[in-house]
Amino acid sequence: VAPALVYALPAALSILLFTGNASPQDSDDDFQVARNLYRDTGDYATAAGLFAEFIRNYPHSPQLADARLMLARSYARSKRCPQAVGAYQDFYLEHPDHIGSLEARRERADCLQQEGEHLRAAAAFEEVQRLYSASDFAPQALLEAARSYTAAQSLAEATRVYRRLLKDYSSHPQAQSGRYRLAQLRFAAGDGEGTQRLLTEISTRVPASDQARDALLLSGRILLFLGRPDEARESFDRLDVAFP
């Protein structure tokens, strides 16, 4: 017998024995152990190792999709975001129709944001909005994308995304946060008049809200900075009346 074949036989035999011995009950038992660690004890580091082993050992299991998702979440919750980013991507690419795909994409973007990968995070949040534009999370995804662009000092992209938020989700509560942050960006860019228009819109759209209070306060401070004390006083007077 050729030497190479002699060395290959034990490895091949062990694979056959493992495959032959593995049963649906083994798969169920191993999955339950990993899931219990994940759900009941919060031992995410150990759960991640068990889910990774489960995926290797049972590549055709009906629980494979759930195992991939919980592996990614175990990585994220045990402060291993670099591994989580890849695991989330594996999950939603392999199981695009799974009910957890939206959350997986969002959580992956969160991990990128936590790791300071601001441009990648912004692109990931924008992708969430494109794919799930009718979801409740879509406006927040644009808000997070713009925040990530701002953190990356990509202010033109941040402005673009804020404007898209205001255009596509103008009546959504997140639009007010977008207006306020866009106003801050416009003022930083030297656009005082554009800033005042945005702040006025906030204070008139939702006059009794926290955003309106913040807008009136910022408006008064900006007017003082611009050397327009009479208009600043009017803004502060409105603030005192609306929020005594």
C-alpha atoms as a PDB file:
ATOM      1  CA  VAL A   1       0.000   0.000   0.000  1.00  0.00           C
ATOM      2  CA  ALA A   2       1.337   3.444  -0.880  1.00  0.00           C
ATOM      3  CA  PRO A   3       2.636   5.366   2.190  1.00  0.00           C
ATOM      4  CA  ALA A   4       0.332   8.327   1.536  1.00  0.00           C
ATOM      5  CA  LEU A   5      -2.675   6.018   1.514  1.00  0.00           C
ATOM      6  CA  VAL A   6      -1.594   4.420   4.804  1.00  0.00           C
ATOM      7  CA  TYR A   7      -1.463   7.813   6.518  1.00  0.00           C
ATOM      8  CA  ALA A   8      -4.797   8.891   4.997  1.00  0.00           C
ATOM      9  CA  LEU A   9      -6.742   5.831   6.138  1.00  0.00           C
ATOM     10  CA  PRO A  10      -6.987   6.688   9.886  1.00  0.00           C
ATOM     11  CA  ALA A  11      -8.243  10.211   9.181  1.00  0.00           C
ATOM     12  CA  ALA A  12     -10.797   8.973   6.678  1.00  0.00           C
ATOM     13  CA  LEU A  13     -11.928   6.255   9.087  1.00  0.00           C
ATOM     14  CA  SER A  14     -12.395   8.753  11.929  1.00  0.00           C
ATOM     15  CA  ILE A  15     -14.532  10.972   9.703  1.00  0.00           C
ATOM     16  CA  LEU A  16     -16.680   8.030   8.690  1.00  0.00           C
ATOM     17  CA  LEU A  17     -17.057   6.896  12.285  1.00  0.00           C
ATOM     18  CA  PHE A  18     -18.047  10.403  13.428  1.00  0.00           C
ATOM     19  CA  THR A  19     -20.533  10.818  10.598  1.00  0.00           C
ATOM     20  CA  GLY A  20     -21.981   7.428  11.223  1.00  0.00           C
ATOM     21  CA  ASN A  21     -22.311   7.935  14.958  1.00  0.00           C
ATOM     22  CA  ALA A  22     -23.779  11.449  14.816  1.00  0.00           C
ATOM     23  CA  SER A  23     -27.547  11.300  15.139  1.00  0.00           C
ATOM     24  CA  PRO A  24     -30.343  13.860  15.094  1.00  0.00           C
ATOM     25  CA  GLN A  25     -30.528  13.400  18.863  1.00  0.00           C
ATOM     26  CA  ASP A  26     -26.812  14.260  19.178  1.00  0.00           C
ATOM     27  CA  SER A  27     -27.429  17.392  17.139  1.00  0.00           C
ATOM     28  CA  ASP A  28     -30.411  18.399  19.260  1.00  0.00           C
ATOM     29  CA  ASP A  29     -28.553  17.742  22.498  1.00  0.00           C
ATOM     30  CA  ASP A  30     -25.476  19.733  21.471  1.00  0.00           C
ATOM     31  CA  PHE A  31     -27.625  22.625  20.289  1.00  0.00           C
ATOM     32  CA  GLN A  32     -29.616  22.660  23.535  1.00  0.00           C
ATOM     33  CA  VAL A  33     -26.441  22.760  25.637  1.00  0.00           C
ATOM     34  CA  ALA A  34     -25.071  25.734  23.681  1.00  0.00           C
ATOM     35  CA  ARG A  35     -28.415  27.539  23.663  1.00  0.00           C
ATOM     36  CA  ASN A  36     -28.902  27.052  27.401  1.00  0.00           C
ATOM     37  CA  LEU A  37     -25.499  28.576  28.090  1.00  0.00           C
ATOM     38  CA  TYR A  38     -26.402  31.493  25.819  1.00  0.00           C
ATOM     39  CA  ARG A  39     -29.909  32.124  27.125  1.00  0.00           C
ATOM     40  CA  ASP A  40     -29.892  31.002  30.738  1.00  0.00           C
ATOM     41  CA  THR A  41     -26.402  31.609  32.111  1.00  0.00           C
ATOM     42  CA  GLY A  42     -25.096  34.407  29.916  1.00  0.00           C
ATOM     43  CA  ASP A  43     -21.816  32.511  29.451  1.00  0.00           C
ATOM     44  CA  TYR A  44     -21.376  33.916  25.960  1.00  0.00           C
ATOM     45  CA  ALA A  45     -17.694  33.053  25.610  1.00  0.00           C
ATOM     46  CA  THR A  46     -18.309  29.339  26.212  1.00  0.00           C
ATOM     47  CA  ALA A  47     -21.501  29.414  24.142  1.00  0.00           C
ATOM     48  CA  ALA A  48     -19.569  30.874  21.198  1.00  0.00           C
ATOM     49  CA  GLY A  49     -17.140  27.948  21.271  1.00  0.00           C
ATOM     50  CA  LEU A  50     -19.979  25.430  21.401  1.00  0.00           C
ATOM     51  CA  PHE A  51     -21.942  27.086  18.587  1.00  0.00           C
ATOM     52  CA  ALA A  52     -18.818  27.189  16.404  1.00  0.00           C
ATOM     53  CA  GLU A  53     -18.252  23.484  17.072  1.00  0.00           C
ATOM     54  CA  PHE A  54     -21.930  22.740  16.365  1.00  0.00           C
ATOM     55  CA  ILE A  55     -21.703  24.491  12.973  1.00  0.00           C
ATOM     56  CA  ARG A  56     -18.617  22.442  12.071  1.00  0.00           C
ATOM     57  CA  ASN A  57     -20.102  19.145  13.254  1.00  0.00           C
ATOM     58  CA  TYR A  58     -23.649  19.478  11.922  1.00  0.00           C
ATOM     59  CA  PRO A  59     -23.516  21.460   8.652  1.00  0.00           C
ATOM     60  CA  HIS A  60     -26.939  20.135   7.559  1.00  0.00           C
ATOM     61  CA  SER A  61     -28.784  20.581  10.837  1.00  0.00           C
ATOM     62  CA  PRO A  62     -32.186  22.295  10.740  1.00  0.00           C
ATOM     63  CA  GLN A  63     -30.892  24.452  13.622  1.00  0.00           C
ATOM     64  CA  LEU A  64     -27.903  25.685  11.614  1.00  0.00           C
ATOM     65  CA  ALA A  65     -29.336  29.159  10.955  1.00  0.00           C
ATOM     66  CA  ASP A  66     -30.177  29.730  14.623  1.00  0.00           C
ATOM     67  CA  ALA A  67     -26.748  28.456  15.627  1.00  0.00           C
ATOM     68  CA  ARG A  68     -25.059  30.918  13.252  1.00  0.00           C
ATOM     69  CA  LEU A  69     -27.086  33.823  14.598  1.00  0.00           C
ATOM     70  CA  MET A  70     -26.424  32.926  18.225  1.00  0.00           C
ATOM     71  CA  LEU A  71     -22.733  32.440  17.456  1.00  0.00           C
ATOM     72  CA  ALA A  72     -22.560  36.010  16.127  1.00  0.00           C
ATOM     73  CA  ARG A  73     -24.459  37.348  19.130  1.00  0.00           C
ATOM     74  CA  SER A  74     -22.273  35.349  21.519  1.00  0.00           C
ATOM     75  CA  TYR A  75     -19.200  36.966  19.993  1.00  0.00           C
ATOM     76  CA  ALA A  76     -20.767  40.428  20.234  1.00  0.00           C
ATOM     77  CA  ARG A  77     -21.888  39.971  23.838  1.00  0.00           C
ATOM     78  CA  SER A  78     -18.505  38.622  24.911  1.00  0.00           C
ATOM     79  CA  LYS A  79     -16.825  41.777  23.566  1.00  0.00           C
ATOM     80  CA  ARG A  80     -15.410  40.115  20.457  1.00  0.00           C
ATOM     81  CA  CYS A  81     -16.866  42.406  17.829  1.00  0.00           C
ATOM     82  CA  PRO A  82     -14.243  41.651  15.144  1.00  0.00           C
ATOM     83  CA  GLN A  83     -15.341  37.995  15.135  1.00  0.00           C
ATOM     84  CA  ALA A  84     -18.991  38.989  15.434  1.00  0.00           C
ATOM     85  CA  VAL A  85     -18.834  41.137  12.290  1.00  0.00           C
ATOM     86  CA  GLY A  86     -17.825  38.163  10.154  1.00  0.00           C
ATOM     87  CA  ALA A  87     -20.223  35.778  11.894  1.00  0.00           C
ATOM     88  CA  TYR A  88     -23.197  38.106  11.346  1.00  0.00           C
ATOM     89  CA  GLN A  89     -22.301  38.385   7.682  1.00  0.00           C
ATOM     90  CA  ASP A  90     -22.040  34.602   7.339  1.00  0.00           C
ATOM     91  CA  PHE A  91     -25.485  34.283   8.898  1.00  0.00           C
ATOM     92  CA  TYR A  92     -27.400  36.703   6.702  1.00  0.00           C
ATOM     93  CA  LEU A  93     -25.626  35.684   3.499  1.00  0.00           C
ATOM     94  CA  GLU A  94     -26.321  32.000   4.122  1.00  0.00           C
ATOM     95  CA  HIS A  95     -29.859  32.557   5.422  1.00  0.00           C
ATOM     96  CA  PRO A  96     -31.168  35.732   3.719  1.00  0.00           C
ATOM     97  CA  ASP A  97     -34.826  34.888   4.370  1.00  0.00           C
ATOM     98  CA  HIS A  98     -34.432  34.201   8.078  1.00  0.00           C
ATOM     99  CA  ILE A  99     -36.597  36.347  10.340  1.00  0.00           C
ATOM    100  CA  GLY A 100     -33.458  37.541  12.146  1.00  0.00           C
ATOM    101  CA  SER A 101     -31.722  38.964   9.062  1.00  0.00           C
ATOM    102  CA  LEU A 102     -32.676  42.584   9.743  1.00  0.00           C
ATOM    103  CA  GLU A 103     -31.535  42.416  13.360  1.00  0.00           C
ATOM    104  CA  ALA A 104     -28.313  40.673  12.328  1.00  0.00           C
ATOM    105  CA  ARG A 105     -27.437  43.415   9.865  1.00  0.00           C
ATOM    106  CA  ARG A 106     -28.240  46.090  12.437  1.00  0.00           C
ATOM    107  CA  GLU A 107     -26.197  44.387  15.147  1.00  0.00           C
ATOM    108  CA  ARG A 108     -23.272  43.983  12.743  1.00  0.00           C
ATOM    109  CA  ALA A 109     -23.394  47.722  12.043  1.00  0.00           C
ATOM    110  CA  ASP A 110     -23.474  48.381  15.791  1.00  0.00           C
ATOM    111  CA  CYS A 111     -20.331  46.277  16.197  1.00  0.00           C
ATOM    112  CA  LEU A 112     -18.541  48.195  13.454  1.00  0.00           C
ATOM    113  CA  GLN A 113     -19.526  51.439  15.161  1.00  0.00           C
ATOM    114  CA  GLN A 114     -18.231  50.207  18.513  1.00  0.00           C
ATOM    115  CA  GLU A 115     -14.935  49.225  16.910  1.00  0.00           C
ATOM    116  CA  GLY A 116     -14.481  52.718  15.470  1.00  0.00           C
ATOM    117  CA  GLU A 117     -14.958  51.451  11.896  1.00  0.00           C
ATOM    118  CA  HIS A 118     -17.095  54.490  11.191  1.00  0.00           C
ATOM    119  CA  LEU A 119     -17.176  54.439   7.392  1.00  0.00           C
ATOM    120  CA  ARG A 120     -17.953  50.724   7.288  1.00  0.00           C
ATOM    121  CA  ALA A 121     -20.597  51.215   9.972  1.00  0.00           C
ATOM    122  CA  ALA A 122     -22.204  54.052   8.004  1.00  0.00           C
ATOM    123  CA  ALA A 123     -22.341  51.917   4.857  1.00  0.00           C
ATOM    124  CA  ALA A 124     -23.819  49.022   6.844  1.00  0.00           C
ATOM    125  CA  PHE A 125     -26.544  51.213   8.370  1.00  0.00           C
ATOM    126  CA  GLU A 126     -27.394  52.646   4.959  1.00  0.00           C
ATOM    127  CA  GLU A 127     -27.682  49.112   3.609  1.00  0.00           C
ATOM    128  CA  VAL A 128     -30.127  48.246   6.392  1.00  0.00           C
ATOM    129  CA  GLN A 129     -32.293  51.203   5.386  1.00  0.00           C
ATOM    130  CA  ARG A 130     -32.160  50.291   1.687  1.00  0.00           C
ATOM    131  CA  LEU A 131     -33.106  46.675   2.283  1.00  0.00           C
ATOM    132  CA  TYR A 132     -35.761  47.345   4.933  1.00  0.00           C
ATOM    133  CA  SER A 133     -36.970  50.839   4.074  1.00  0.00           C
ATOM    134  CA  ALA A 134     -40.469  50.188   5.446  1.00  0.00           C
ATOM    135  CA  SER A 135     -39.281  48.838   8.800  1.00  0.00           C
ATOM    136  CA  ASP A 136     -39.590  50.752  12.048  1.00  0.00           C
ATOM    137  CA  PHE A 137     -35.809  50.793  12.326  1.00  0.00           C
ATOM    138  CA  ALA A 138     -35.156  52.368   8.901  1.00  0.00           C
ATOM    139  CA  PRO A 139     -35.174  56.031  10.084  1.00  0.00           C
ATOM    140  CA  GLN A 140     -32.904  55.173  13.017  1.00  0.00           C
ATOM    141  CA  ALA A 141     -30.555  53.394  10.596  1.00  0.00           C
ATOM    142  CA  LEU A 142     -30.149  56.623   8.612  1.00  0.00           C
ATOM    143  CA  LEU A 143     -29.613  58.583  11.812  1.00  0.00           C
ATOM    144  CA  GLU A 144     -26.869  56.144  12.853  1.00  0.00           C
ATOM    145  CA  ALA A 145     -25.321  56.232   9.380  1.00  0.00           C
ATOM    146  CA  ALA A 146     -25.097  60.010   9.501  1.00  0.00           C
ATOM    147  CA  ARG A 147     -23.648  59.868  13.007  1.00  0.00           C
ATOM    148  CA  SER A 148     -20.976  57.449  11.811  1.00  0.00           C
ATOM    149  CA  TYR A 149     -20.116  59.658   8.827  1.00  0.00           C
ATOM    150  CA  THR A 150     -19.785  62.593  11.225  1.00  0.00           C
ATOM    151  CA  ALA A 151     -17.453  60.580  13.463  1.00  0.00           C
ATOM    152  CA  ALA A 152     -15.366  59.795  10.380  1.00  0.00           C
ATOM    153  CA  GLN A 153     -15.251  63.523   9.527  1.00  0.00           C
ATOM    154  CA  SER A 154     -17.097  62.785   6.296  1.00  0.00           C
ATOM    155  CA  LEU A 155     -19.415  65.737   6.793  1.00  0.00           C
ATOM    156  CA  ALA A 156     -20.696  65.938   3.226  1.00  0.00           C
ATOM    157  CA  GLU A 157     -21.878  62.335   3.460  1.00  0.00           C
ATOM    158  CA  ALA A 158     -23.428  62.992   6.865  1.00  0.00           C
ATOM    159  CA  THR A 159     -25.310  65.969   5.439  1.00  0.00           C
ATOM    160  CA  ARG A 160     -26.519  63.867   2.502  1.00  0.00           C
ATOM    161  CA  VAL A 161     -27.873  61.159   4.806  1.00  0.00           C
ATOM    162  CA  TYR A 162     -29.573  63.645   7.151  1.00  0.00           C
ATOM    163  CA  ARG A 163     -31.308  65.237   4.165  1.00  0.00           C
ATOM    164  CA  ARG A 164     -32.411  61.819   2.982  1.00  0.00           C
ATOM    165  CA  LEU A 165     -33.847  61.112   6.433  1.00  0.00           C
ATOM    166  CA  LEU A 166     -35.831  64.370   6.339  1.00  0.00           C
ATOM    167  CA  LYS A 167     -37.070  63.641   2.817  1.00  0.00           C
ATOM    168  CA  ASP A 168     -38.056  59.990   3.249  1.00  0.00           C
ATOM    169  CA  TYR A 169     -39.260  60.025   6.868  1.00  0.00           C
ATOM    170  CA  SER A 170     -40.308  63.617   7.488  1.00  0.00           C
ATOM    171  CA  SER A 171     -43.117  62.715   9.913  1.00  0.00           C
ATOM    172  CA  HIS A 172     -41.105  60.192  11.897  1.00  0.00           C
ATOM    173  CA  PRO A 173     -39.870  61.215  15.380  1.00  0.00           C
ATOM    174  CA  GLN A 174     -36.281  60.507  14.315  1.00  0.00           C
ATOM    175  CA  ALA A 175     -36.578  63.257  11.721  1.00  0.00           C
ATOM    176  CA  GLN A 176     -36.517  65.861  14.481  1.00  0.00           C
ATOM    177  CA  SER A 177     -33.232  64.486  15.806  1.00  0.00           C
ATOM    178  CA  GLY A 178     -31.949  64.549  12.239  1.00  0.00           C
ATOM    179  CA  ARG A 179     -32.953  68.205  11.822  1.00  0.00           C
ATOM    180  CA  TYR A 180     -31.190  69.176  15.023  1.00  0.00           C
ATOM    181  CA  ARG A 181     -27.970  67.372  14.101  1.00  0.00           C
ATOM    182  CA  LEU A 182     -28.110  68.733  10.564  1.00  0.00           C
ATOM    183  CA  ALA A 183     -28.487  72.231  12.013  1.00  0.00           C
ATOM    184  CA  GLN A 184     -25.330  71.685  14.042  1.00  0.00           C
ATOM    185  CA  LEU A 185     -23.483  70.576  10.914  1.00  0.00           C
ATOM    186  CA  ARG A 186     -24.741  73.536   8.889  1.00  0.00           C
ATOM    187  CA  PHE A 187     -23.612  75.958  11.581  1.00  0.00           C
ATOM    188  CA  ALA A 188     -20.171  74.306  11.718  1.00  0.00           C
ATOM    189  CA  ALA A 189     -20.014  74.779   7.945  1.00  0.00           C
ATOM    190  CA  GLY A 190     -20.763  78.505   8.311  1.00  0.00           C
ATOM    191  CA  ASP A 191     -24.368  78.385   7.111  1.00  0.00           C
ATOM    192  CA  GLY A 192     -26.021  80.490   9.808  1.00  0.00           C
ATOM    193  CA  GLU A 193     -29.242  81.143   7.906  1.00  0.00           C
ATOM    194  CA  GLY A 194     -29.696  77.493   6.990  1.00  0.00           C
ATOM    195  CA  THR A 195     -29.128  76.579  10.615  1.00  0.00           C
ATOM    196  CA  GLN A 196     -31.805  79.007  11.816  1.00  0.00           C
ATOM    197  CA  ARG A 197     -34.334  77.682   9.297  1.00  0.00           C
ATOM    198  CA  LEU A 198     -33.854  74.128  10.551  1.00  0.00           C
ATOM    199  CA  LEU A 199     -34.085  75.159  14.213  1.00  0.00           C
ATOM    200  CA  THR A 200     -37.230  77.192  13.559  1.00  0.00           C
ATOM    201  CA  GLU A 201     -38.795  74.225  11.805  1.00  0.00           C
ATOM    202  CA  ILE A 202     -38.118  72.034  14.829  1.00  0.00           C
ATOM    203  CA  SER A 203     -39.628  74.493  17.293  1.00  0.00           C
ATOM    204  CA  THR A 204     -42.767  74.980  15.188  1.00  0.00           C
ATOM    205  CA  ARG A 205     -43.356  71.334  14.232  1.00  0.00           C
ATOM    206  CA  VAL A 206     -43.249  69.946  17.773  1.00  0.00           C
ATOM    207  CA  PRO A 207     -43.476  73.019  20.030  1.00  0.00           C
ATOM    208  CA  ALA A 208     -43.848  71.166  23.351  1.00  0.00           C
ATOM    209  CA  SER A 209     -41.048  68.655  22.795  1.00  0.00           C
ATOM    210  CA  ASP A 210     -37.560  68.358  24.223  1.00  0.00           C
ATOM    211  CA  GLN A 211     -36.239  68.902  20.707  1.00  0.00           C
ATOM    212  CA  ALA A 212     -38.078  72.228  20.482  1.00  0.00           C
ATOM    213  CA  ARG A 213     -36.550  73.348  23.791  1.00  0.00           C
ATOM    214  CA  ASP A 214     -33.055  72.385  22.585  1.00  0.00           C
ATOM    215  CA  ALA A 215     -33.666  74.116  19.246  1.00  0.00           C
ATOM    216  CA  LEU A 216     -34.747  77.386  20.857  1.00  0.00           C
ATOM    217  CA  LEU A 217     -31.768  77.336  23.192  1.00  0.00           C
ATOM    218  CA  LEU A 218     -29.293  76.613  20.395  1.00  0.00           C
ATOM    219  CA  SER A 219     -30.937  79.215  18.170  1.00  0.00           C
ATOM    220  CA  GLY A 220     -30.527  81.914  20.827  1.00  0.00           C
ATOM    221  CA  ARG A 221     -26.894  81.026  21.406  1.00  0.00           C
ATOM    222  CA  ILE A 222     -26.120  81.059  17.689  1.00  0.00           C
ATOM    223  CA  LEU A 223     -27.817  84.434  17.245  1.00  0.00           C
ATOM    224  CA  LEU A 224     -25.689  85.832  20.072  1.00  0.00           C
ATOM    225  CA  PHE A 225     -22.598  84.416  18.400  1.00  0.00           C
ATOM    226  CA  LEU A 226     -23.640  86.041  15.132  1.00  0.00           C
ATOM    227  CA  GLY A 227     -24.016  89.416  16.861  1.00  0.00           C
ATOM    228  CA  ARG A 228     -27.805  89.591  16.688  1.00  0.00           C
ATOM    229  CA  PRO A 229     -28.769  90.104  20.347  1.00  0.00           C
ATOM    230  CA  ASP A 230     -32.341  91.317  19.751  1.00  0.00           C
ATOM    231  CA  GLU A 231     -33.247  88.178  17.810  1.00  0.00           C
ATOM    232  CA  ALA A 232     -31.439  86.075  20.397  1.00  0.00           C
ATOM    233  CA  ARG A 233     -33.526  87.658  23.143  1.00  0.00           C
ATOM    234  CA  GLU A 234     -36.701  86.794  21.225  1.00  0.00           C
ATOM    235  CA  SER A 235     -35.598  83.177  21.025  1.00  0.00           C
ATOM    236  CA  PHE A 236     -34.835  83.047  24.734  1.00  0.00           C
ATOM    237  CA  ASP A 237     -38.177  84.704  25.529  1.00  0.00           C
ATOM    238  CA  ARG A 238     -39.987  82.038  23.500  1.00  0.00           C
ATOM    239  CA  LEU A 239     -38.014  79.430  25.405  1.00  0.00           C
ATOM    240  CA  ASP A 240     -39.079  80.891  28.762  1.00  0.00           C
ATOM    241  CA  VAL A 241     -42.740  81.012  27.724  1.00  0.00           C
ATOM    242  CA  ALA A 242     -42.854  77.495  26.249  1.00  0.00           C
ATOM    243  CA  PHE A 243     -40.769  75.879  28.998  1.00  0.00           C
ATOM    244  CA  PRO A 244     -41.280  77.863  32.219  1.00  0.00           C
END
